[in-house]
Protein backbone atom coordinates (compact mmCIF):
# COMPACT_ATOMS: atom_id res chain seq x y z
CA MET A 1 -10.16 -55.53 33.81
CA THR A 2 -13.21 -53.27 33.31
CA ARG A 3 -14.42 -53.03 29.87
CA TYR A 4 -15.19 -49.85 28.29
CA THR A 5 -18.78 -49.81 27.18
CA LYS A 6 -20.35 -47.44 24.40
CA THR A 7 -23.64 -45.82 26.09
CA LYS A 8 -25.63 -43.10 24.20
CA LYS A 9 -24.25 -40.13 26.22
CA ASP A 10 -21.18 -41.46 24.86
CA LYS A 11 -22.05 -41.87 21.31
CA LYS A 12 -23.35 -37.93 21.21
CA LYS A 13 -20.48 -36.22 22.97
CA ARG A 14 -18.94 -37.66 19.94
CA ALA A 15 -21.26 -36.66 17.25
CA ARG A 16 -21.25 -33.28 18.92
CA ARG A 17 -17.35 -32.87 18.90
CA ARG A 18 -17.43 -34.28 15.04
CA ALA A 19 -20.10 -31.62 15.02
CA ASP A 20 -17.92 -28.81 16.46
CA ALA A 21 -14.87 -29.85 14.49
CA ALA A 22 -16.61 -29.65 10.89
CA THR A 23 -17.55 -26.66 11.38
CA GLN A 24 -14.71 -25.17 12.79
CA THR A 25 -12.69 -26.09 9.54
CA THR A 26 -15.62 -24.88 7.41
CA THR A 27 -15.40 -20.90 9.28
CA ARG A 28 -11.61 -21.74 8.86
CA ARG A 29 -12.15 -22.27 5.33
CA SER A 30 -14.46 -19.53 4.74
CA SER A 31 -12.69 -16.56 6.47
CA HIS A 32 -9.48 -17.93 3.80
CA CYS A 33 -11.89 -17.49 1.18
CA LYS A 34 -12.81 -13.96 2.60
CA ARG A 35 -9.34 -12.94 3.02
CA ARG A 36 -8.56 -13.99 -0.57
CA LYS A 37 -11.80 -12.59 -1.87
CA GLN A 38 -10.54 -9.12 0.01
CA GLN A 39 -7.18 -9.08 -1.75
CA PHE A 40 -8.36 -8.10 -5.41
CA LEU A 41 -9.56 -4.18 -5.11
CA THR A 42 -12.05 -3.50 -7.62
CA TYR A 43 -11.70 0.35 -9.28
CA ASP A 44 -15.23 1.18 -7.93
CA LYS A 45 -13.94 0.28 -4.13
CA PHE A 46 -10.53 1.72 -4.78
CA ARG A 47 -12.52 5.34 -5.97
CA GLU A 48 -15.28 5.08 -3.13
CA ASP A 49 -12.39 4.02 -0.03
CA ILE A 50 -8.83 5.25 -1.18
CA ILE A 51 -9.29 8.65 -3.31
CA ALA A 52 -12.78 9.35 -2.33
CA ASN A 53 -10.93 13.25 -0.69
CA GLU A 54 -7.97 14.20 0.46
CA GLU A 55 -7.97 13.14 3.71
CA CYS A 56 -8.67 9.76 2.86
CA VAL A 57 -5.83 9.57 -0.07
CA LEU A 58 -3.41 10.98 2.90
CA ASN A 59 -4.87 8.45 5.49
CA TRP A 60 -4.01 5.89 3.25
CA CYS A 61 -0.98 6.49 2.12
CA MET A 62 0.61 6.90 5.60
CA ASN A 63 -1.18 3.69 6.35
CA ASN A 64 0.67 1.89 3.90
CA ASN A 65 4.02 3.77 4.57
CA LEU A 66 4.25 5.63 1.16
CA LEU A 67 4.42 8.90 3.23
CA ALA A 68 5.73 9.78 6.74
CA LYS A 69 3.59 9.70 9.55
CA LYS A 70 6.12 12.11 11.42
CA GLN A 71 8.16 14.35 10.43
CA TRP A 72 11.07 16.73 12.33
CA CYS A 73 12.00 20.33 12.39
CA PRO A 74 15.25 20.73 10.87
CA GLU A 75 15.97 23.89 12.92
CA CYS A 76 14.34 22.76 16.49
CA ARG A 77 14.39 18.96 16.15
CA THR A 78 11.05 18.47 17.45
CA GLU A 79 8.14 16.65 15.70
CA MET A 80 6.18 18.77 13.19
CA LYS A 81 2.02 18.91 13.56
CA LEU A 82 0.14 17.77 10.45
CA LYS A 83 -2.18 20.90 9.42
CA SER A 84 -4.72 21.63 6.96
CA THR A 85 -4.01 24.45 4.40
CA LYS A 86 -5.81 25.17 1.07
CA ASP A 87 -2.96 26.87 -0.13
CA ARG A 88 -1.58 23.65 -1.02
CA GLY A 89 -2.25 21.17 -3.72
CA ASP A 90 -2.36 18.34 -1.29
CA GLY A 91 -4.29 20.16 1.11
CA TRP A 92 -2.36 19.30 4.06
CA MET A 93 1.40 20.44 5.13
CA TRP A 94 4.17 19.85 8.30
CA LEU A 95 3.86 22.92 10.33
CA CYS A 96 6.15 23.97 13.34
CA ARG A 97 5.85 26.94 14.93
CA ARG A 98 8.38 26.80 17.97
CA ARG A 99 10.21 29.09 20.29
CA VAL A 100 13.84 28.14 21.11
CA GLY A 101 15.27 29.20 24.19
CA LEU A 102 14.85 33.16 24.59
CA GLY A 103 14.92 33.95 20.74
CA LYS A 104 12.04 34.41 18.08
CA GLU A 105 9.31 31.62 17.10
CA HIS A 106 10.01 29.92 14.03
CA ARG A 107 7.54 29.12 11.41
CA VAL A 108 8.73 25.87 9.59
CA GLU A 109 6.93 24.35 6.72
CA THR A 110 7.22 21.40 4.80
CA SER A 111 5.48 19.44 1.97
CA ILE A 112 3.53 15.96 3.10
CA ARG A 113 5.63 14.32 0.17
CA LYS A 114 8.97 15.20 1.26
CA GLY A 115 11.21 11.98 1.31
CA SER A 116 8.64 10.09 -0.75
CA VAL A 117 8.03 8.97 -4.07
CA PHE A 118 5.66 11.83 -4.65
CA GLU A 119 8.01 14.32 -3.93
CA ASP A 120 9.07 16.16 -7.31
CA SER A 121 5.62 15.54 -9.26
CA LYS A 122 3.03 17.90 -10.01
CA LEU A 123 0.19 15.31 -10.01
CA SER A 124 -2.18 15.50 -7.01
CA LEU A 125 -1.90 12.00 -4.56
CA SER A 126 -4.97 10.77 -5.87
CA GLU A 127 -4.10 10.81 -9.95
CA ILE A 128 -0.49 9.11 -9.02
CA LEU A 129 -2.37 6.11 -7.06
CA GLN A 130 -4.54 5.81 -9.82
CA PHE A 131 -2.36 5.16 -12.54
CA ILE A 132 -0.01 3.05 -9.98
CA TYR A 133 -3.40 0.89 -9.24
CA TRP A 134 -3.53 0.72 -13.40
CA TRP A 135 -0.14 -0.22 -13.22
CA CYS A 136 -0.53 -2.68 -10.98
CA LEU A 137 -2.74 -4.61 -13.10
CA ASP A 138 -0.70 -4.56 -16.27
CA VAL A 139 -2.79 -2.50 -18.09
CA PRO A 140 -0.82 -1.39 -21.37
CA GLN A 141 0.45 2.45 -21.45
CA ASN A 142 -2.02 3.63 -23.76
CA HIS A 143 -5.34 2.35 -21.82
CA ILE A 144 -3.85 3.95 -18.92
CA ARG A 145 -3.59 7.52 -21.12
CA GLN A 146 -6.98 6.87 -21.63
CA GLN A 147 -8.12 6.19 -18.25
CA THR A 148 -6.22 9.14 -16.35
CA GLY A 149 -5.83 11.51 -18.95
CA PHE A 150 -2.62 11.85 -18.55
CA SER A 151 0.00 12.82 -21.29
CA LYS A 152 2.46 10.42 -22.92
CA HIS A 153 4.99 11.61 -21.46
CA THR A 154 3.66 11.54 -17.72
CA THR A 155 2.58 8.03 -18.46
CA CYS A 156 5.95 6.90 -19.74
CA SER A 157 7.54 8.26 -16.74
CA TRP A 158 5.72 7.26 -14.07
CA HIS A 159 5.69 3.86 -15.79
CA MET A 160 9.61 3.81 -15.47
CA LYS A 161 9.45 5.19 -11.88
CA CYS A 162 6.84 2.44 -10.86
CA ARG A 163 9.37 -0.08 -12.38
CA GLU A 164 12.63 1.33 -10.78
CA ILE A 165 10.68 0.99 -7.42
CA CYS A 166 10.22 -2.53 -8.00
CA GLU A 167 13.51 -3.32 -9.13
CA PHE A 168 15.07 -1.17 -6.19
CA ALA A 169 12.95 -3.86 -3.84
CA LEU A 170 13.63 -6.80 -5.37
CA LEU A 171 18.01 -5.76 -5.59
CA SER A 172 17.57 -4.76 -1.66
CA ASP A 173 15.29 -7.60 -0.53
CA SER A 174 17.50 -10.09 -2.16
CA VAL A 175 15.80 -13.98 -1.49
CA LYS A 176 17.46 -16.61 -3.30
CA ILE A 177 15.63 -18.44 -6.02
CA GLY A 178 15.78 -21.71 -7.57
CA GLY A 179 17.34 -24.45 -5.71
CA LYS A 180 18.66 -28.24 -6.39
CA LEU A 181 17.57 -29.33 -9.87
CA ILE A 182 15.74 -26.22 -10.58
CA PHE A 183 16.46 -24.13 -13.56
CA LEU A 184 15.42 -20.50 -14.08
CA LEU A 185 15.25 -19.13 -17.08
CA PHE A 186 15.54 -15.38 -17.68
CA LYS A 187 14.68 -13.20 -20.68
CA SER A 188 16.34 -9.97 -21.14
CA ASN A 189 14.56 -7.14 -22.54
CA TYR A 190 16.63 -4.25 -24.26
CA VAL A 191 16.02 -0.79 -24.49
CA TYR A 192 17.47 0.85 -27.47
CA SER A 193 16.76 3.82 -29.49
CA ARG A 194 17.52 4.22 -33.33
């Protein structure tokens, strides 16, 4: 039998492996911490990156599935093109100008808000996103009104709309909560008028 002897080279290799493993765990930890830090969006960063202009708002909404990335023409069933325009409040619209068969060329315009949460609102997309930002931080309605300049009615209606969206998401994606020997207590809120 040959006996394994520890040489200086073996010790150096082991030390290098330990150092490499330590740097890998610290980089994993630091990348995890970076991800955790990036989850919170400050209001300044929100204003700079998301609501800086209409194009930024549009791209952010489309990337986060708040607005449709594609729209189909109701007449010719082809994909519509996104066009910049000055006669719309949002600055963008879906447009289709196709010739179907031997007939005339048709022109179909559709709002970018069609089929979204923003469809029936007169507020701009950036104003709505500002409201949603403050609402997600659980800021009271009167403070949101001060920050956005909305009326009491607008603030209440958007507050209810955000609650309805969350309720719908929770009910449609039902996940079992609780379990064996885990008890949950729910507090009911009743809304009534006198």
